[in-house]
Amino acid sequence: MSPKLHDATLPGRPDSLLLHALDARRSVPAKQLVDPGPDPETLLRMLQSAVRVPDHGKRVPFRFLSIEGDARTDLGERLAALALARDPNAAASAIEKDRHRFTHAPLVIVVVARLGPDEKIPASERLLTAGCVCFALLQAAQGCGFGASWLTGWPAYDREVLGWLGLEANEHVAGFIHIGTPKLEAPERDRPDASGLLQPWTGA
Protein backbone atom coordinates (compact mmCIF):
# COMPACT_ATOMS: atom_id res chain seq x y z
CA MET A 1 0.00 0.00 0.00
CA SER A 2 1.39 3.40 -0.94
CA PRO A 3 2.08 5.94 1.84
CA LYS A 4 -0.56 8.32 0.50
CA LEU A 5 -3.29 5.70 0.48
CA HIS A 6 -2.24 4.60 3.93
CA ASP A 7 -2.41 8.19 5.18
CA ALA A 8 -5.96 8.45 3.86
CA THR A 9 -7.12 5.83 6.38
CA LEU A 10 -5.62 7.48 9.44
CA PRO A 11 -8.09 9.52 11.50
CA GLY A 12 -7.06 12.97 12.56
CA ARG A 13 -4.38 13.44 9.91
CA PRO A 14 -4.71 17.01 8.57
CA ASP A 15 -3.17 15.94 5.25
CA SER A 16 -5.60 13.05 4.79
CA LEU A 17 -6.76 12.41 1.23
CA LEU A 18 -10.25 11.93 2.65
CA LEU A 19 -10.24 15.47 4.02
CA HIS A 20 -8.95 16.81 0.72
CA ALA A 21 -11.82 15.05 -1.06
CA LEU A 22 -14.34 16.65 1.28
CA ASP A 23 -12.73 20.06 0.87
CA ALA A 24 -12.80 19.74 -2.92
CA ARG A 25 -16.53 19.00 -3.21
CA ARG A 26 -18.42 21.47 -5.36
CA SER A 27 -21.92 21.40 -6.78
CA VAL A 28 -22.10 21.68 -10.56
CA PRO A 29 -25.29 23.39 -11.86
CA ALA A 30 -27.58 20.93 -13.62
CA LYS A 31 -27.44 23.03 -16.80
CA GLN A 32 -23.69 22.45 -16.92
CA LEU A 33 -23.97 18.64 -16.81
CA VAL A 34 -23.87 16.73 -20.09
CA ASP A 35 -23.22 13.23 -21.44
CA PRO A 36 -21.68 10.91 -20.59
CA GLY A 37 -23.16 9.98 -17.28
CA PRO A 38 -22.12 6.94 -15.25
CA ASP A 39 -22.66 3.54 -16.79
CA PRO A 40 -24.76 1.04 -14.79
CA GLU A 41 -21.75 -0.56 -13.12
CA THR A 42 -20.29 2.79 -12.06
CA LEU A 43 -23.67 4.00 -10.83
CA LEU A 44 -24.08 0.96 -8.60
CA ARG A 45 -20.58 1.51 -7.24
CA MET A 46 -21.49 5.12 -6.43
CA LEU A 47 -24.70 4.07 -4.72
CA GLN A 48 -22.83 1.45 -2.70
CA SER A 49 -20.68 4.23 -1.26
CA ALA A 50 -23.69 6.51 -0.79
CA VAL A 51 -25.54 4.04 1.45
CA ARG A 52 -22.71 4.02 4.03
CA VAL A 53 -24.42 6.62 6.19
CA PRO A 54 -25.43 6.83 9.85
CA ASP A 55 -28.71 4.93 10.21
CA HIS A 56 -30.14 4.68 13.72
CA GLY A 57 -31.82 1.30 14.13
CA LYS A 58 -30.63 0.07 10.72
CA ARG A 59 -33.94 1.10 9.20
CA VAL A 60 -32.59 1.87 5.71
CA PRO A 61 -35.14 4.69 5.40
CA PHE A 62 -34.39 5.42 1.76
CA ARG A 63 -34.48 4.00 -1.75
CA PHE A 64 -33.53 5.18 -5.22
CA LEU A 65 -35.20 5.91 -8.55
CA SER A 66 -33.25 6.61 -11.73
CA ILE A 67 -34.55 8.98 -14.40
CA GLU A 68 -32.67 9.01 -17.70
CA GLY A 69 -33.19 8.96 -21.43
CA ASP A 70 -36.67 9.77 -22.71
CA ALA A 71 -38.11 9.48 -19.20
CA ARG A 72 -36.52 12.87 -18.39
CA THR A 73 -38.38 14.52 -21.27
CA ASP A 74 -41.64 12.77 -20.40
CA LEU A 75 -41.46 13.95 -16.80
CA GLY A 76 -40.68 17.50 -17.93
CA GLU A 77 -43.67 17.58 -20.27
CA ARG A 78 -45.92 16.38 -17.46
CA LEU A 79 -44.56 19.04 -15.12
CA ALA A 80 -45.10 21.79 -17.69
CA ALA A 81 -48.67 20.65 -18.36
CA LEU A 82 -49.47 20.45 -14.66
CA ALA A 83 -47.99 23.86 -13.91
CA LEU A 84 -49.93 25.45 -16.79
CA ALA A 85 -53.18 23.76 -15.79
CA ARG A 86 -52.83 25.10 -12.27
CA ASP A 87 -51.89 28.58 -13.40
CA PRO A 88 -52.93 29.42 -16.98
CA ASN A 89 -51.33 32.84 -16.55
CA ALA A 90 -47.93 31.47 -15.61
CA ALA A 91 -44.99 33.06 -17.39
CA ALA A 92 -43.77 31.17 -20.43
CA SER A 93 -40.27 31.15 -18.94
CA ALA A 94 -41.52 29.39 -15.81
CA ILE A 95 -43.29 26.73 -17.87
CA GLU A 96 -40.16 26.18 -19.96
CA LYS A 97 -38.10 25.85 -16.80
CA ASP A 98 -40.37 23.05 -15.65
CA ARG A 99 -40.30 21.42 -19.09
CA HIS A 100 -36.51 21.22 -19.01
CA ARG A 101 -36.06 20.74 -15.28
CA PHE A 102 -34.82 17.15 -15.69
CA THR A 103 -33.41 17.21 -19.23
CA HIS A 104 -29.99 18.79 -18.69
CA ALA A 105 -28.01 16.11 -16.84
CA PRO A 106 -28.03 12.66 -18.45
CA LEU A 107 -29.01 11.02 -15.17
CA VAL A 108 -31.15 12.06 -12.23
CA ILE A 109 -31.25 9.89 -9.14
CA VAL A 110 -34.23 10.43 -6.88
CA VAL A 111 -33.35 9.75 -3.26
CA VAL A 112 -36.63 8.72 -1.66
CA ALA A 113 -37.02 9.03 2.11
CA ARG A 114 -39.20 6.32 3.66
CA LEU A 115 -40.85 7.79 6.74
CA GLY A 116 -43.64 5.47 7.79
CA PRO A 117 -44.64 4.85 11.41
CA ASP A 118 -41.82 3.70 13.68
CA GLU A 119 -42.15 3.20 17.44
CA LYS A 120 -38.46 3.79 18.10
CA ILE A 121 -36.79 5.97 15.46
CA PRO A 122 -38.27 9.45 14.90
CA ALA A 123 -39.11 10.43 11.33
CA SER A 124 -36.76 13.40 11.64
CA GLU A 125 -33.80 11.08 12.24
CA ARG A 126 -34.74 8.91 9.28
CA LEU A 127 -35.07 11.98 7.07
CA LEU A 128 -31.60 13.07 8.16
CA THR A 129 -30.29 9.66 7.12
CA ALA A 130 -31.80 10.10 3.66
CA GLY A 131 -30.22 13.55 3.50
CA CYS A 132 -26.85 12.02 4.33
CA VAL A 133 -27.34 9.68 1.39
CA CYS A 134 -27.85 12.68 -0.91
CA PHE A 135 -24.61 14.24 0.26
CA ALA A 136 -22.69 10.99 0.08
CA LEU A 137 -23.91 10.47 -3.48
CA LEU A 138 -22.58 13.90 -4.44
CA GLN A 139 -19.20 12.88 -3.02
CA ALA A 140 -19.29 9.52 -4.78
CA ALA A 141 -20.16 11.12 -8.11
CA GLN A 142 -17.27 13.55 -7.86
CA GLY A 143 -14.97 10.74 -6.76
CA CYS A 144 -15.84 8.90 -9.98
CA GLY A 145 -15.04 11.93 -12.11
CA PHE A 146 -18.56 13.28 -12.59
CA GLY A 147 -20.28 16.48 -11.54
CA ALA A 148 -23.47 16.48 -9.52
CA SER A 149 -26.05 18.78 -8.01
CA TRP A 150 -28.61 18.18 -5.25
CA LEU A 151 -31.90 19.90 -6.13
CA THR A 152 -35.51 19.82 -4.99
CA GLY A 153 -37.96 22.50 -6.22
CA TRP A 154 -41.73 22.32 -6.10
CA PRO A 155 -41.94 18.86 -7.75
CA ALA A 156 -40.22 17.36 -4.70
CA TYR A 157 -43.17 18.38 -2.51
CA ASP A 158 -46.13 17.93 -4.85
CA ARG A 159 -48.12 14.79 -4.07
CA GLU A 160 -49.40 14.48 -7.64
CA VAL A 161 -45.84 14.47 -8.95
CA LEU A 162 -44.80 12.03 -6.26
CA GLY A 163 -47.64 9.79 -7.40
CA TRP A 164 -46.25 9.81 -10.93
CA LEU A 165 -42.95 8.65 -9.48
CA GLY A 166 -44.65 5.82 -7.64
CA LEU A 167 -44.04 7.12 -4.13
CA GLU A 168 -46.32 5.93 -1.36
CA ALA A 169 -48.03 8.26 1.13
CA ASN A 170 -45.24 7.80 3.68
CA GLU A 171 -42.48 8.50 1.16
CA HIS A 172 -40.93 11.84 0.29
CA VAL A 173 -38.24 13.15 -2.05
CA ALA A 174 -35.09 13.94 -0.12
CA GLY A 175 -33.39 15.14 -3.26
CA PHE A 176 -33.07 14.96 -7.01
CA ILE A 177 -29.38 14.28 -7.64
CA HIS A 178 -28.43 15.42 -11.16
CA ILE A 179 -25.28 13.65 -12.40
CA GLY A 180 -23.22 14.05 -15.55
CA THR A 181 -19.98 15.29 -17.02
CA PRO A 182 -19.29 18.96 -16.22
CA LYS A 183 -19.02 21.30 -19.20
CA LEU A 184 -16.82 23.57 -17.10
CA GLU A 185 -15.08 23.55 -13.75
CA ALA A 186 -17.42 24.76 -11.04
CA PRO A 187 -16.02 27.90 -9.39
CA GLU A 188 -15.32 27.89 -5.70
CA ARG A 189 -17.64 29.95 -3.53
CA ASP A 190 -17.36 31.43 -0.07
CA ARG A 191 -17.59 28.81 2.67
CA PRO A 192 -18.43 29.30 6.34
CA ASP A 193 -15.54 29.67 8.75
CA ALA A 194 -15.84 26.73 11.14
CA SER A 195 -13.97 28.62 13.87
CA GLY A 196 -16.77 31.15 13.97
CA LEU A 197 -19.42 28.46 14.34
CA LEU A 198 -17.83 26.60 17.25
CA GLN A 199 -18.32 27.57 20.86
CA PRO A 200 -17.80 25.66 24.08
CA TRP A 201 -20.68 24.72 26.33
CA THR A 202 -19.72 25.08 29.96
CA GLY A 203 -22.97 24.10 31.61
CA ALA A 204 -23.54 27.62 32.89
C-alpha atoms as a PDB file:
ATOM      1  CA  MET A   1       0.000   0.000   0.000  1.00  0.00           C
ATOM      2  CA  SER A   2       1.386   3.402  -0.937  1.00  0.00           C
ATOM      3  CA  PRO A   3       2.079   5.944   1.844  1.00  0.00           C
ATOM      4  CA  LYS A   4      -0.558   8.324   0.502  1.00  0.00           C
ATOM      5  CA  LEU A   5      -3.289   5.699   0.475  1.00  0.00           C
ATOM      6  CA  HIS A   6      -2.243   4.596   3.932  1.00  0.00           C
ATOM      7  CA  ASP A   7      -2.412   8.193   5.180  1.00  0.00           C
ATOM      8  CA  ALA A   8      -5.962   8.448   3.861  1.00  0.00           C
ATOM      9  CA  THR A   9      -7.115   5.829   6.375  1.00  0.00           C
ATOM     10  CA  LEU A  10      -5.624   7.482   9.444  1.00  0.00           C
ATOM     11  CA  PRO A  11      -8.094   9.520  11.502  1.00  0.00           C
ATOM     12  CA  GLY A  12      -7.059  12.975  12.562  1.00  0.00           C
ATOM     13  CA  ARG A  13      -4.376  13.442   9.908  1.00  0.00           C
ATOM     14  CA  PRO A  14      -4.711  17.013   8.566  1.00  0.00           C
ATOM     15  CA  ASP A  15      -3.166  15.935   5.249  1.00  0.00           C
ATOM     16  CA  SER A  16      -5.604  13.054   4.791  1.00  0.00           C
ATOM     17  CA  LEU A  17      -6.757  12.408   1.234  1.00  0.00           C
ATOM     18  CA  LEU A  18     -10.251  11.931   2.653  1.00  0.00           C
ATOM     19  CA  LEU A  19     -10.244  15.470   4.019  1.00  0.00           C
ATOM     20  CA  HIS A  20      -8.954  16.813   0.715  1.00  0.00           C
ATOM     21  CA  ALA A  21     -11.818  15.047  -1.060  1.00  0.00           C
ATOM     22  CA  LEU A  22     -14.340  16.649   1.283  1.00  0.00           C
ATOM     23  CA  ASP A  23     -12.730  20.058   0.869  1.00  0.00           C
ATOM     24  CA  ALA A  24     -12.804  19.741  -2.920  1.00  0.00           C
ATOM     25  CA  ARG A  25     -16.532  19.001  -3.206  1.00  0.00           C
ATOM     26  CA  ARG A  26     -18.422  21.467  -5.360  1.00  0.00           C
ATOM     27  CA  SER A  27     -21.917  21.396  -6.782  1.00  0.00           C
ATOM     28  CA  VAL A  28     -22.103  21.676 -10.564  1.00  0.00           C
ATOM     29  CA  PRO A  29     -25.288  23.387 -11.855  1.00  0.00           C
ATOM     30  CA  ALA A  30     -27.577  20.928 -13.616  1.00  0.00           C
ATOM     31  CA  LYS A  31     -27.442  23.034 -16.796  1.00  0.00           C
ATOM     32  CA  GLN A  32     -23.687  22.449 -16.919  1.00  0.00           C
ATOM     33  CA  LEU A  33     -23.970  18.644 -16.811  1.00  0.00           C
ATOM     34  CA  VAL A  34     -23.872  16.731 -20.093  1.00  0.00           C
ATOM     35  CA  ASP A  35     -23.216  13.227 -21.439  1.00  0.00           C
ATOM     36  CA  PRO A  36     -21.680  10.914 -20.594  1.00  0.00           C
ATOM     37  CA  GLY A  37     -23.161   9.978 -17.283  1.00  0.00           C
ATOM     38  CA  PRO A  38     -22.122   6.944 -15.251  1.00  0.00           C
ATOM     39  CA  ASP A  39     -22.662   3.536 -16.788  1.00  0.00           C
ATOM     40  CA  PRO A  40     -24.758   1.040 -14.790  1.00  0.00           C
ATOM     41  CA  GLU A  41     -21.755  -0.561 -13.119  1.00  0.00           C
ATOM     42  CA  THR A  42     -20.293   2.790 -12.057  1.00  0.00           C
ATOM     43  CA  LEU A  43     -23.666   4.002 -10.828  1.00  0.00           C
ATOM     44  CA  LEU A  44     -24.079   0.961  -8.605  1.00  0.00           C
ATOM     45  CA  ARG A  45     -20.583   1.513  -7.243  1.00  0.00           C
ATOM     46  CA  MET A  46     -21.488   5.120  -6.433  1.00  0.00           C
ATOM     47  CA  LEU A  47     -24.699   4.066  -4.724  1.00  0.00           C
ATOM     48  CA  GLN A  48     -22.828   1.451  -2.700  1.00  0.00           C
ATOM     49  CA  SER A  49     -20.682   4.225  -1.261  1.00  0.00           C
ATOM     50  CA  ALA A  50     -23.689   6.507  -0.787  1.00  0.00           C
ATOM     51  CA  VAL A  51     -25.535   4.042   1.451  1.00  0.00           C
ATOM     52  CA  ARG A  52     -22.705   4.022   4.032  1.00  0.00           C
ATOM     53  CA  VAL A  53     -24.417   6.617   6.187  1.00  0.00           C
ATOM     54  CA  PRO A  54     -25.433   6.828   9.854  1.00  0.00           C
ATOM     55  CA  ASP A  55     -28.711   4.928  10.207  1.00  0.00           C
ATOM     56  CA  HIS A  56     -30.142   4.685  13.724  1.00  0.00           C
ATOM     57  CA  GLY A  57     -31.819   1.299  14.130  1.00  0.00           C
ATOM     58  CA  LYS A  58     -30.629   0.072  10.715  1.00  0.00           C
ATOM     59  CA  ARG A  59     -33.943   1.096   9.199  1.00  0.00           C
ATOM     60  CA  VAL A  60     -32.586   1.869   5.713  1.00  0.00           C
ATOM     61  CA  PRO A  61     -35.140   4.687   5.397  1.00  0.00           C
ATOM     62  CA  PHE A  62     -34.389   5.417   1.759  1.00  0.00           C
ATOM     63  CA  ARG A  63     -34.481   4.001  -1.750  1.00  0.00           C
ATOM     64  CA  PHE A  64     -33.534   5.183  -5.222  1.00  0.00           C
ATOM     65  CA  LEU A  65     -35.201   5.908  -8.550  1.00  0.00           C
ATOM     66  CA  SER A  66     -33.253   6.612 -11.732  1.00  0.00           C
ATOM     67  CA  ILE A  67     -34.546   8.983 -14.395  1.00  0.00           C
ATOM     68  CA  GLU A  68     -32.675   9.006 -17.695  1.00  0.00           C
ATOM     69  CA  GLY A  69     -33.189   8.961 -21.430  1.00  0.00           C
ATOM     70  CA  ASP A  70     -36.673   9.767 -22.705  1.00  0.00           C
ATOM     71  CA  ALA A  71     -38.106   9.478 -19.202  1.00  0.00           C
ATOM     72  CA  ARG A  72     -36.517  12.869 -18.392  1.00  0.00           C
ATOM     73  CA  THR A  73     -38.378  14.519 -21.268  1.00  0.00           C
ATOM     74  CA  ASP A  74     -41.635  12.773 -20.401  1.00  0.00           C
ATOM     75  CA  LEU A  75     -41.457  13.952 -16.805  1.00  0.00           C
ATOM     76  CA  GLY A  76     -40.682  17.505 -17.928  1.00  0.00           C
ATOM     77  CA  GLU A  77     -43.666  17.584 -20.272  1.00  0.00           C
ATOM     78  CA  ARG A  78     -45.915  16.377 -17.462  1.00  0.00           C
ATOM     79  CA  LEU A  79     -44.561  19.039 -15.119  1.00  0.00           C
ATOM     80  CA  ALA A  80     -45.101  21.791 -17.688  1.00  0.00           C
ATOM     81  CA  ALA A  81     -48.665  20.654 -18.364  1.00  0.00           C
ATOM     82  CA  LEU A  82     -49.470  20.449 -14.663  1.00  0.00           C
ATOM     83  CA  ALA A  83     -47.992  23.864 -13.910  1.00  0.00           C
ATOM     84  CA  LEU A  84     -49.926  25.447 -16.790  1.00  0.00           C
ATOM     85  CA  ALA A  85     -53.184  23.755 -15.788  1.00  0.00           C
ATOM     86  CA  ARG A  86     -52.833  25.103 -12.269  1.00  0.00           C
ATOM     87  CA  ASP A  87     -51.886  28.582 -13.404  1.00  0.00           C
ATOM     88  CA  PRO A  88     -52.932  29.419 -16.976  1.00  0.00           C
ATOM     89  CA  ASN A  89     -51.325  32.842 -16.551  1.00  0.00           C
ATOM     90  CA  ALA A  90     -47.934  31.465 -15.612  1.00  0.00           C
ATOM     91  CA  ALA A  91     -44.990  33.059 -17.387  1.00  0.00           C
ATOM     92  CA  ALA A  92     -43.773  31.165 -20.427  1.00  0.00           C
ATOM     93  CA  SER A  93     -40.266  31.151 -18.943  1.00  0.00           C
ATOM     94  CA  ALA A  94     -41.521  29.386 -15.810  1.00  0.00           C
ATOM     95  CA  ILE A  95     -43.287  26.729 -17.872  1.00  0.00           C
ATOM     96  CA  GLU A  96     -40.160  26.183 -19.956  1.00  0.00           C
ATOM     97  CA  LYS A  97     -38.099  25.852 -16.799  1.00  0.00           C
ATOM     98  CA  ASP A  98     -40.369  23.045 -15.647  1.00  0.00           C
ATOM     99  CA  ARG A  99     -40.301  21.424 -19.088  1.00  0.00           C
ATOM    100  CA  HIS A 100     -36.508  21.218 -19.011  1.00  0.00           C
ATOM    101  CA  ARG A 101     -36.062  20.740 -15.276  1.00  0.00           C
ATOM    102  CA  PHE A 102     -34.823  17.154 -15.695  1.00  0.00           C
ATOM    103  CA  THR A 103     -33.413  17.212 -19.233  1.00  0.00           C
ATOM    104  CA  HIS A 104     -29.987  18.793 -18.686  1.00  0.00           C
ATOM    105  CA  ALA A 105     -28.013  16.114 -16.841  1.00  0.00           C
ATOM    106  CA  PRO A 106     -28.026  12.657 -18.455  1.00  0.00           C
ATOM    107  CA  LEU A 107     -29.006  11.021 -15.168  1.00  0.00           C
ATOM    108  CA  VAL A 108     -31.150  12.061 -12.231  1.00  0.00           C
ATOM    109  CA  ILE A 109     -31.253   9.887  -9.137  1.00  0.00           C
ATOM    110  CA  VAL A 110     -34.232  10.428  -6.881  1.00  0.00           C
ATOM    111  CA  VAL A 111     -33.350   9.755  -3.259  1.00  0.00           C
ATOM    112  CA  VAL A 112     -36.627   8.718  -1.660  1.00  0.00           C
ATOM    113  CA  ALA A 113     -37.022   9.030   2.108  1.00  0.00           C
ATOM    114  CA  ARG A 114     -39.197   6.316   3.656  1.00  0.00           C
ATOM    115  CA  LEU A 115     -40.847   7.794   6.736  1.00  0.00           C
ATOM    116  CA  GLY A 116     -43.638   5.465   7.787  1.00  0.00           C
ATOM    117  CA  PRO A 117     -44.636   4.847  11.411  1.00  0.00           C
ATOM    118  CA  ASP A 118     -41.819   3.702  13.684  1.00  0.00           C
ATOM    119  CA  GLU A 119     -42.151   3.204  17.436  1.00  0.00           C
ATOM    120  CA  LYS A 120     -38.461   3.791  18.102  1.00  0.00           C
ATOM    121  CA  ILE A 121     -36.789   5.965  15.461  1.00  0.00           C
ATOM    122  CA  PRO A 122     -38.272   9.449  14.899  1.00  0.00           C
ATOM    123  CA  ALA A 123     -39.107  10.431  11.329  1.00  0.00           C
ATOM    124  CA  SER A 124     -36.760  13.399  11.639  1.00  0.00           C
ATOM    125  CA  GLU A 125     -33.800  11.076  12.239  1.00  0.00           C
ATOM    126  CA  ARG A 126     -34.740   8.907   9.279  1.00  0.00           C
ATOM    127  CA  LEU A 127     -35.066  11.984   7.071  1.00  0.00           C
ATOM    128  CA  LEU A 128     -31.595  13.066   8.163  1.00  0.00           C
ATOM    129  CA  THR A 129     -30.285   9.658   7.124  1.00  0.00           C
ATOM    130  CA  ALA A 130     -31.805  10.099   3.662  1.00  0.00           C
ATOM    131  CA  GLY A 131     -30.217  13.555   3.497  1.00  0.00           C
ATOM    132  CA  CYS A 132     -26.854  12.024   4.332  1.00  0.00           C
ATOM    133  CA  VAL A 133     -27.340   9.677   1.389  1.00  0.00           C
ATOM    134  CA  CYS A 134     -27.853  12.675  -0.907  1.00  0.00           C
ATOM    135  CA  PHE A 135     -24.613  14.245   0.262  1.00  0.00           C
ATOM    136  CA  ALA A 136     -22.686  10.990   0.079  1.00  0.00           C
ATOM    137  CA  LEU A 137     -23.915  10.470  -3.481  1.00  0.00           C
ATOM    138  CA  LEU A 138     -22.582  13.904  -4.436  1.00  0.00           C
ATOM    139  CA  GLN A 139     -19.205  12.882  -3.018  1.00  0.00           C
ATOM    140  CA  ALA A 140     -19.295   9.518  -4.777  1.00  0.00           C
ATOM    141  CA  ALA A 141     -20.161  11.117  -8.114  1.00  0.00           C
ATOM    142  CA  GLN A 142     -17.268  13.547  -7.857  1.00  0.00           C
ATOM    143  CA  GLY A 143     -14.975  10.740  -6.756  1.00  0.00           C
ATOM    144  CA  CYS A 144     -15.836   8.903  -9.976  1.00  0.00           C
ATOM    145  CA  GLY A 145     -15.043  11.935 -12.111  1.00  0.00           C
ATOM    146  CA  PHE A 146     -18.558  13.284 -12.587  1.00  0.00           C
ATOM    147  CA  GLY A 147     -20.279  16.479 -11.544  1.00  0.00           C
ATOM    148  CA  ALA A 148     -23.470  16.480  -9.515  1.00  0.00           C
ATOM    149  CA  SER A 149     -26.050  18.775  -8.012  1.00  0.00           C
ATOM    150  CA  TRP A 150     -28.611  18.177  -5.246  1.00  0.00           C
ATOM    151  CA  LEU A 151     -31.903  19.895  -6.125  1.00  0.00           C
ATOM    152  CA  THR A 152     -35.511  19.817  -4.994  1.00  0.00           C
ATOM    153  CA  GLY A 153     -37.958  22.499  -6.218  1.00  0.00           C
ATOM    154  CA  TRP A 154     -41.725  22.322  -6.101  1.00  0.00           C
ATOM    155  CA  PRO A 155     -41.944  18.860  -7.754  1.00  0.00           C
ATOM    156  CA  ALA A 156     -40.221  17.358  -4.705  1.00  0.00           C
ATOM    157  CA  TYR A 157     -43.165  18.381  -2.514  1.00  0.00           C
ATOM    158  CA  ASP A 158     -46.130  17.927  -4.845  1.00  0.00           C
ATOM    159  CA  ARG A 159     -48.116  14.793  -4.073  1.00  0.00           C
ATOM    160  CA  GLU A 160     -49.399  14.477  -7.639  1.00  0.00           C
ATOM    161  CA  VAL A 161     -45.838  14.472  -8.955  1.00  0.00           C
ATOM    162  CA  LEU A 162     -44.795  12.028  -6.259  1.00  0.00           C
ATOM    163  CA  GLY A 163     -47.637   9.790  -7.405  1.00  0.00           C
ATOM    164  CA  TRP A 164     -46.249   9.808 -10.931  1.00  0.00           C
ATOM    165  CA  LEU A 165     -42.950   8.649  -9.475  1.00  0.00           C
ATOM    166  CA  GLY A 166     -44.654   5.815  -7.635  1.00  0.00           C
ATOM    167  CA  LEU A 167     -44.043   7.122  -4.125  1.00  0.00           C
ATOM    168  CA  GLU A 168     -46.321   5.931  -1.361  1.00  0.00           C
ATOM    169  CA  ALA A 169     -48.026   8.262   1.126  1.00  0.00           C
ATOM    170  CA  ASN A 170     -45.244   7.803   3.684  1.00  0.00           C
ATOM    171  CA  GLU A 171     -42.477   8.497   1.161  1.00  0.00           C
ATOM    172  CA  HIS A 172     -40.926  11.839   0.287  1.00  0.00           C
ATOM    173  CA  VAL A 173     -38.244  13.148  -2.050  1.00  0.00           C
ATOM    174  CA  ALA A 174     -35.093  13.937  -0.115  1.00  0.00           C
ATOM    175  CA  GLY A 175     -33.392  15.136  -3.262  1.00  0.00           C
ATOM    176  CA  PHE A 176     -33.068  14.959  -7.014  1.00  0.00           C
ATOM    177  CA  ILE A 177     -29.376  14.281  -7.637  1.00  0.00           C
ATOM    178  CA  HIS A 178     -28.430  15.416 -11.161  1.00  0.00           C
ATOM    179  CA  ILE A 179     -25.284  13.645 -12.398  1.00  0.00           C
ATOM    180  CA  GLY A 180     -23.223  14.051 -15.550  1.00  0.00           C
ATOM    181  CA  THR A 181     -19.976  15.293 -17.022  1.00  0.00           C
ATOM    182  CA  PRO A 182     -19.291  18.963 -16.216  1.00  0.00           C
ATOM    183  CA  LYS A 183     -19.023  21.300 -19.198  1.00  0.00           C
ATOM    184  CA  LEU A 184     -16.821  23.572 -17.096  1.00  0.00           C
ATOM    185  CA  GLU A 185     -15.078  23.552 -13.750  1.00  0.00           C
ATOM    186  CA  ALA A 186     -17.421  24.759 -11.036  1.00  0.00           C
ATOM    187  CA  PRO A 187     -16.022  27.896  -9.388  1.00  0.00           C
ATOM    188  CA  GLU A 188     -15.316  27.888  -5.695  1.00  0.00           C
ATOM    189  CA  ARG A 189     -17.638  29.952  -3.532  1.00  0.00           C
ATOM    190  CA  ASP A 190     -17.364  31.429  -0.071  1.00  0.00           C
ATOM    191  CA  ARG A 191     -17.592  28.813   2.674  1.00  0.00           C
ATOM    192  CA  PRO A 192     -18.428  29.300   6.344  1.00  0.00           C
ATOM    193  CA  ASP A 193     -15.535  29.667   8.753  1.00  0.00           C
ATOM    194  CA  ALA A 194     -15.842  26.729  11.142  1.00  0.00           C
ATOM    195  CA  SER A 195     -13.971  28.618  13.865  1.00  0.00           C
ATOM    196  CA  GLY A 196     -16.770  31.150  13.971  1.00  0.00           C
ATOM    197  CA  LEU A 197     -19.415  28.464  14.343  1.00  0.00           C
ATOM    198  CA  LEU A 198     -17.832  26.603  17.248  1.00  0.00           C
ATOM    199  CA  GLN A 199     -18.320  27.569  20.857  1.00  0.00           C
ATOM    200  CA  PRO A 200     -17.797  25.655  24.076  1.00  0.00           C
ATOM    201  CA  TRP A 201     -20.678  24.723  26.330  1.00  0.00           C
ATOM    202  CA  THR A 202     -19.721  25.075  29.956  1.00  0.00           C
ATOM    203  CA  GLY A 203     -22.974  24.101  31.605  1.00  0.00           C
ATOM    204  CA  ALA A 204     -23.540  27.619  32.895  1.00  0.00           C
END
